[in-house]
Protein backbone atom coordinates (compact mmCIF):
# COMPACT_ATOMS: atom_id res chain seq x y z
CA MET A 1 -41.30 -10.69 5.96
CA PRO A 2 -37.47 -11.16 5.94
CA VAL A 3 -37.43 -13.84 8.68
CA THR A 4 -37.67 -17.25 7.05
CA SER A 5 -37.34 -19.37 10.20
CA VAL A 6 -36.63 -19.31 13.93
CA VAL A 7 -35.24 -22.58 15.31
CA LYS A 8 -34.96 -23.38 19.00
CA ASP A 9 -32.60 -26.26 19.72
CA ALA A 10 -32.74 -27.36 23.37
CA GLU A 11 -29.97 -29.89 22.84
CA SER A 12 -27.38 -27.44 21.49
CA LEU A 13 -28.76 -24.56 23.65
CA THR A 14 -29.21 -22.29 20.65
CA LEU A 15 -31.86 -20.10 19.10
CA THR A 16 -31.19 -19.45 15.41
CA VAL A 17 -32.87 -16.85 13.22
CA HIS A 18 -32.64 -17.10 9.42
CA ALA A 19 -33.56 -14.07 7.29
CA GLU A 20 -33.10 -12.98 3.69
CA PHE A 21 -32.81 -9.46 2.25
CA PRO A 22 -32.76 -8.22 -1.36
CA VAL A 23 -29.63 -6.09 -0.85
CA LYS A 24 -25.88 -6.59 -1.05
CA VAL A 25 -23.97 -7.77 1.99
CA SER A 26 -22.27 -4.37 2.28
CA ARG A 27 -25.63 -2.59 2.60
CA LEU A 28 -26.96 -4.90 5.30
CA TRP A 29 -23.59 -4.90 7.08
CA ASP A 30 -23.57 -1.10 7.24
CA ALA A 31 -27.08 -1.13 8.70
CA TYR A 32 -25.85 -3.18 11.65
CA LEU A 33 -22.65 -1.23 12.25
CA ASP A 34 -24.15 2.27 11.97
CA PRO A 35 -25.84 3.33 15.25
CA ARG A 36 -28.15 5.66 13.32
CA GLN A 37 -29.51 2.70 11.38
CA ILE A 38 -29.50 -0.25 13.78
CA GLU A 39 -31.48 1.69 16.35
CA LYS A 40 -34.31 1.93 13.84
CA PHE A 41 -34.85 -1.83 13.87
CA TRP A 42 -33.09 -3.39 16.86
CA GLY A 43 -36.03 -3.09 19.23
CA PRO A 44 -39.56 -4.41 18.66
CA VAL A 45 -41.92 -2.03 16.89
CA GLU A 46 -43.44 -0.78 20.16
CA TYR A 47 -40.03 -0.50 21.89
CA PRO A 48 -37.73 1.69 19.77
CA ALA A 49 -34.02 1.54 20.56
CA THR A 50 -31.42 4.26 21.19
CA PHE A 51 -27.72 3.44 20.81
CA THR A 52 -25.32 5.60 22.83
CA ARG A 53 -22.17 3.56 22.07
CA HIS A 54 -21.49 1.17 19.22
CA ASP A 55 -17.80 0.48 18.54
CA ALA A 56 -17.48 -2.53 16.29
CA ALA A 57 -14.05 -3.88 17.17
CA PRO A 58 -12.74 -6.69 19.37
CA GLY A 59 -12.83 -5.41 22.92
CA GLY A 60 -15.40 -2.77 22.02
CA ARG A 61 -18.79 -2.24 23.60
CA THR A 62 -22.32 -1.31 22.58
CA HIS A 63 -24.71 0.45 24.94
CA TYR A 64 -28.39 0.81 24.07
CA HIS A 65 -31.82 1.04 25.62
CA MET A 66 -35.33 0.34 24.40
CA THR A 67 -38.20 2.61 25.43
CA SER A 68 -41.68 1.27 26.16
CA PRO A 69 -44.88 3.09 25.13
CA GLU A 70 -45.11 4.27 28.76
CA GLY A 71 -41.60 5.74 28.65
CA GLU A 72 -39.86 3.04 30.68
CA GLU A 73 -36.32 2.25 29.55
CA PHE A 74 -34.83 -1.25 29.27
CA HIS A 75 -31.04 -1.25 28.94
CA GLY A 76 -28.72 -3.69 27.22
CA TYR A 77 -25.10 -4.03 26.14
CA TRP A 78 -22.83 -5.91 23.77
CA GLU A 79 -19.22 -6.89 24.31
CA TRP A 80 -17.57 -7.30 20.89
CA ASN A 81 -15.58 -10.54 20.72
CA GLU A 82 -14.67 -10.92 17.05
CA ILE A 83 -15.41 -9.27 13.73
CA VAL A 84 -14.50 -10.14 10.14
CA ASP A 85 -15.48 -7.39 7.72
CA GLN A 86 -18.71 -8.17 5.83
CA LYS A 87 -18.53 -11.82 6.93
CA PHE A 88 -19.61 -12.13 10.56
CA PHE A 89 -19.32 -10.65 14.01
CA GLU A 90 -19.69 -12.18 17.46
CA VAL A 91 -20.83 -10.35 20.58
CA THR A 92 -21.80 -11.18 24.13
CA ASP A 93 -25.29 -9.75 24.60
CA GLY A 94 -26.63 -8.95 28.04
CA PHE A 95 -29.10 -6.92 30.04
CA ALA A 96 -27.88 -3.78 31.79
CA ASN A 97 -28.84 -1.52 34.64
CA ALA A 98 -29.78 2.13 34.03
CA ASP A 99 -26.15 3.20 34.57
CA GLY A 100 -24.96 0.79 31.88
CA THR A 101 -23.44 -1.79 34.19
CA PRO A 102 -24.32 -5.45 33.46
CA ASN A 103 -27.39 -6.85 35.22
CA ALA A 104 -25.99 -10.09 36.66
CA GLU A 105 -29.46 -11.34 37.61
CA LEU A 106 -30.40 -11.94 33.95
CA PRO A 107 -28.70 -14.27 31.45
CA THR A 108 -26.15 -13.33 28.80
CA THR A 109 -25.95 -14.90 25.35
CA ARG A 110 -23.15 -15.30 22.82
CA MET A 111 -24.56 -14.07 19.53
CA VAL A 112 -23.06 -14.68 16.09
CA PHE A 113 -24.28 -12.64 13.12
CA SER A 114 -23.31 -14.25 9.78
CA PHE A 115 -23.75 -12.48 6.41
CA ASP A 116 -23.78 -14.74 3.33
CA PRO A 117 -24.09 -13.38 -0.23
CA GLN A 118 -26.88 -14.85 -2.35
CA PRO A 119 -27.63 -14.40 -6.08
CA ASP A 120 -30.50 -12.05 -5.26
CA GLY A 121 -29.34 -10.54 -1.96
CA THR A 122 -28.03 -11.56 1.45
CA LYS A 123 -28.82 -14.35 3.88
CA LEU A 124 -28.46 -13.30 7.51
CA THR A 125 -28.12 -15.94 10.22
CA ILE A 126 -28.21 -14.90 13.87
CA THR A 127 -27.33 -17.65 16.35
CA ALA A 128 -27.84 -17.05 20.06
CA ASN A 129 -25.84 -19.46 22.24
CA PHE A 130 -26.99 -19.95 25.85
CA ASP A 131 -25.13 -21.25 28.89
CA SER A 132 -27.98 -23.47 30.09
CA ALA A 133 -31.42 -24.76 29.19
CA ALA A 134 -32.84 -22.57 31.95
CA ASP A 135 -31.31 -19.45 30.37
CA LEU A 136 -32.72 -20.41 26.97
CA GLU A 137 -36.21 -20.94 28.33
CA GLN A 138 -36.05 -17.73 30.37
CA GLU A 139 -35.23 -15.66 27.26
CA VAL A 140 -37.98 -17.37 25.27
CA ASP A 141 -40.48 -16.77 28.10
CA MET A 142 -39.45 -13.09 28.11
CA GLY A 143 -40.57 -12.84 24.47
CA MET A 144 -37.27 -13.16 22.61
CA ILE A 145 -38.76 -14.93 19.59
CA ASP A 146 -41.69 -12.58 19.08
CA GLY A 147 -39.51 -9.57 19.84
CA THR A 148 -36.95 -10.66 17.25
CA ARG A 149 -39.61 -11.14 14.59
CA SER A 150 -41.09 -7.73 15.37
CA ALA A 151 -37.72 -6.00 15.30
CA MET A 152 -36.58 -7.59 12.06
CA SER A 153 -39.86 -6.79 10.34
CA GLN A 154 -38.60 -3.20 10.24
CA ILE A 155 -35.28 -3.82 8.48
CA GLU A 156 -36.58 -3.94 4.91
CA GLN A 157 -38.11 -0.48 5.19
CA VAL A 158 -34.99 0.83 6.90
CA LEU A 159 -32.85 -0.43 4.03
CA ILE A 160 -35.09 1.38 1.56
CA ASP A 161 -35.51 4.60 3.52
CA LEU A 162 -31.86 4.97 4.42
CA ARG A 163 -30.30 4.12 1.06
CA ASN A 164 -29.56 7.78 0.37
CA TYR A 165 -29.45 8.84 4.02
CA ALA A 166 -26.64 6.41 4.75
CA ARG A 167 -24.56 7.92 1.96
CA THR A 168 -25.00 11.53 3.00
CA PHE A 169 -21.53 12.97 3.47
CA THR A 170 -22.51 15.85 5.73
CA THR A 171 -22.31 16.37 9.47
CA GLU A 172 -25.57 15.93 11.32
CA ALA A 173 -26.54 16.23 14.97
CA GLN A 174 -29.30 14.10 16.49
CA ILE A 175 -30.80 14.67 19.92
CA LEU A 176 -30.73 11.40 21.88
CA SER A 177 -32.02 12.65 25.24
CA ASP A 178 -32.30 15.77 27.40
CA THR A 179 -28.54 15.72 27.92
CA GLN A 180 -27.11 13.88 24.91
CA ILE A 181 -26.61 14.47 21.20
CA ARG A 182 -24.89 12.34 18.58
CA VAL A 183 -22.89 14.04 15.83
CA SER A 184 -22.24 11.77 12.83
CA ARG A 185 -20.26 12.08 9.61
CA ILE A 186 -19.10 9.54 7.02
CA ILE A 187 -15.56 10.57 6.06
CA ARG A 188 -14.17 9.26 2.79
CA GLY A 189 -11.02 7.62 4.07
CA THR A 190 -9.93 4.42 5.79
CA ARG A 191 -10.39 4.02 9.53
CA ASP A 192 -6.60 4.10 9.98
CA GLN A 193 -6.42 7.40 8.09
CA VAL A 194 -9.27 9.04 9.97
CA TRP A 195 -7.98 7.83 13.33
CA GLN A 196 -4.49 9.12 12.56
CA ALA A 197 -5.92 12.47 11.48
CA HIS A 198 -7.40 12.84 14.98
CA HIS A 199 -4.17 11.85 16.76
CA ASP A 200 -1.42 13.64 14.84
CA ALA A 201 -0.96 17.21 16.08
CA ALA A 202 0.69 18.48 12.88
CA LEU A 203 -2.09 17.05 10.74
CA MET A 204 -4.84 18.32 13.03
CA LYS A 205 -3.52 21.86 12.63
CA ARG A 206 -4.17 21.54 8.89
CA TRP A 207 -7.85 20.54 9.05
CA LEU A 208 -9.39 21.07 12.53
CA LEU A 209 -10.04 24.75 11.91
CA GLY A 210 -13.80 25.22 11.72
CA PRO A 211 -14.96 27.92 9.28
CA ASP A 212 -12.45 29.59 6.96
CA GLY A 213 -10.45 32.37 8.55
CA TRP A 214 -9.25 30.56 11.68
CA LYS A 215 -5.99 28.85 12.60
CA MET A 216 -5.16 26.27 15.25
CA THR A 217 -2.34 27.74 17.31
CA GLU A 218 -2.04 25.05 19.98
CA CYS A 219 -2.55 21.29 19.80
CA VAL A 220 -1.27 19.25 22.73
CA LEU A 221 -2.39 15.61 22.78
CA PRO A 222 -2.54 13.17 25.72
CA GLU A 223 0.13 10.47 25.78
CA SER A 224 -2.08 7.88 27.50
CA VAL A 225 -5.30 7.40 29.46
CA GLY A 226 -5.32 9.91 32.29
CA GLY A 227 -3.39 12.45 30.23
CA THR A 228 -4.74 15.85 29.20
CA TYR A 229 -5.12 17.63 25.89
CA ARG A 230 -5.31 21.32 25.00
CA TYR A 231 -6.51 22.95 21.75
CA ARG A 232 -6.61 26.65 20.92
CA TRP A 233 -7.74 28.65 17.87
CA GLU A 234 -7.18 32.28 16.85
CA PRO A 235 -8.76 34.31 14.02
CA GLU A 236 -6.66 35.09 10.98
CA THR A 237 -5.98 38.76 10.19
CA GLY A 238 -9.19 40.35 8.99
CA THR A 239 -11.45 37.72 10.59
CA GLU A 240 -13.77 38.84 13.37
CA GLY A 241 -13.83 36.98 16.66
CA GLN A 242 -11.77 36.23 19.72
CA GLY A 243 -9.52 33.26 20.30
CA PHE A 244 -10.80 30.31 22.31
CA GLY A 245 -9.76 26.81 23.29
CA PHE A 246 -10.68 23.55 24.96
CA THR A 247 -8.98 21.25 27.39
CA GLY A 248 -9.85 17.89 28.86
CA GLU A 249 -8.74 14.45 29.99
CA LEU A 250 -8.56 11.15 28.11
CA LEU A 251 -10.71 8.75 30.14
CA GLU A 252 -10.81 5.60 27.97
CA LEU A 253 -9.17 4.40 24.77
CA LEU A 254 -9.67 1.52 22.35
CA PRO A 255 -7.10 2.24 19.61
CA LYS A 256 -8.51 2.98 16.15
CA SER A 257 -12.07 2.45 17.41
CA TYR A 258 -13.18 4.42 20.48
CA GLU A 259 -12.15 7.09 22.95
CA ARG A 260 -13.89 8.90 25.79
CA THR A 261 -12.78 12.33 27.00
CA THR A 262 -13.91 15.28 29.04
CA GLU A 263 -14.07 18.68 27.36
CA GLN A 264 -14.19 22.15 28.90
CA MET A 265 -13.77 25.58 27.37
CA ILE A 266 -10.58 27.24 28.62
CA ASP A 267 -10.96 30.22 30.98
CA THR A 268 -14.67 29.61 31.59
CA ASP A 269 -16.63 28.08 34.43
CA TYR A 270 -18.89 26.09 32.06
CA PRO A 271 -19.22 22.50 33.31
CA PRO A 272 -17.34 19.93 31.21
CA THR A 273 -18.99 17.58 28.76
CA ILE A 274 -18.25 13.90 28.19
CA ASN A 275 -17.38 13.14 24.56
CA GLU A 276 -17.41 9.57 23.21
CA SER A 277 -15.99 9.15 19.71
CA THR A 278 -16.40 5.95 17.69
CA PHE A 279 -14.63 5.19 14.40
CA ALA A 280 -16.39 2.47 12.38
CA GLU A 281 -15.57 1.12 8.94
CA SER A 282 -18.32 1.30 6.32
CA SER A 283 -18.58 0.59 2.63
CA GLU A 284 -18.43 4.34 1.97
CA GLY A 285 -15.46 5.21 4.20
CA THR A 286 -15.30 5.73 7.96
CA LEU A 287 -18.32 6.59 10.07
CA LEU A 288 -17.34 8.95 12.87
CA SER A 289 -19.94 9.15 15.64
CA ILE A 290 -19.50 11.48 18.62
CA VAL A 291 -21.94 11.22 21.53
CA ILE A 292 -21.74 14.35 23.68
CA THR A 293 -23.24 14.37 27.18
CA TYR A 294 -24.10 17.80 28.61
CA PRO A 295 -24.98 18.66 32.21
CA ASP A 296 -28.53 19.65 31.23
CA ALA A 297 -30.85 20.37 28.30
CA GLN A 298 -30.28 24.12 28.50
CA THR A 299 -26.55 23.74 27.97
CA ARG A 300 -27.15 21.24 25.16
CA ASP A 301 -29.44 23.65 23.30
CA MET A 302 -27.14 26.63 23.88
CA VAL A 303 -24.19 24.80 22.30
CA LEU A 304 -26.26 23.57 19.33
CA ALA A 305 -27.40 27.14 18.70
CA THR A 306 -23.78 28.31 18.26
CA GLY A 307 -23.55 26.64 14.84
CA MET A 308 -21.25 23.93 16.17
CA THR A 309 -22.36 21.45 13.50
CA ASP A 310 -21.54 23.85 10.65
CA GLY A 311 -18.06 24.41 12.03
CA MET A 312 -17.49 20.66 12.35
CA GLU A 313 -18.67 20.10 8.76
CA ALA A 314 -16.19 22.68 7.47
CA SER A 315 -13.40 20.85 9.29
CA TYR A 316 -14.42 17.38 8.07
CA ALA A 317 -14.73 18.59 4.48
CA ARG A 318 -11.21 20.00 4.81
CA LEU A 319 -10.00 16.68 6.21
CA GLU A 320 -11.46 14.80 3.22
CA SER A 321 -9.56 17.07 0.85
CA LEU A 322 -6.34 16.11 2.65
CA LEU A 323 -7.12 12.40 2.62
């Protein structure tokens, strides 16, 4: 059991969890910053978690929900306050409504996650700071201590199971719900490099091409939130296929960390999707996670069947060769 102690301090209004793991700080750090990994241990055993946003940067946000055995969803969020790479991060943790908005009727906590190297692994200290004694007791009565022990009991196995998985440099798509998928890829480059590669039109025309035999003929980027973008591709001579393109609007931006856009195929009446892209630093490079929300499951499955993931992998492999 990795948890060595749980200390409730009514005087300082804190609840502190101490745990130890036989892995390097970088490995445990990656497990917390990768949505694919943290969702495997954030919720109690009986209440698995799903993370639909997880941008680890000051001003960023995390959106997640835990699902009960009966299928009921319990939503939560983090607001990222501070982060020092492989040292600690601080978030404001709160309960949320089904639409992701904060539930003001329940308490929030300021949580600090500290990662300290040890001769044989890493010591993790999680300190939850409460605004009042009533808030502390309410969280404890709601099962915070037992839930934390249950959730953290899963981390050791996650660290073992995902040792190779976390280092897989290929594009993968995971179904999150009837309308959402998450496409993930670790790209061997710094976050600044990968972010720039997605926001420099000349550079994008060199790598965002999909399978061999295509060229990007148009790349217009939005200047600010509310602006529009437009991409278009055409087949090279001798390549079968017809040209196509996408357009959309930039809805939200957290530089070098997160952006949310709409996306719609040009000259079609297909309903637009919502694309949320997160750029997170990891010990292996930059983890790019894209959560795509479709209007329905049928549209989701139709797009997946086009080979979208293979085309994205060809582009990301090309990007790595440039970086």
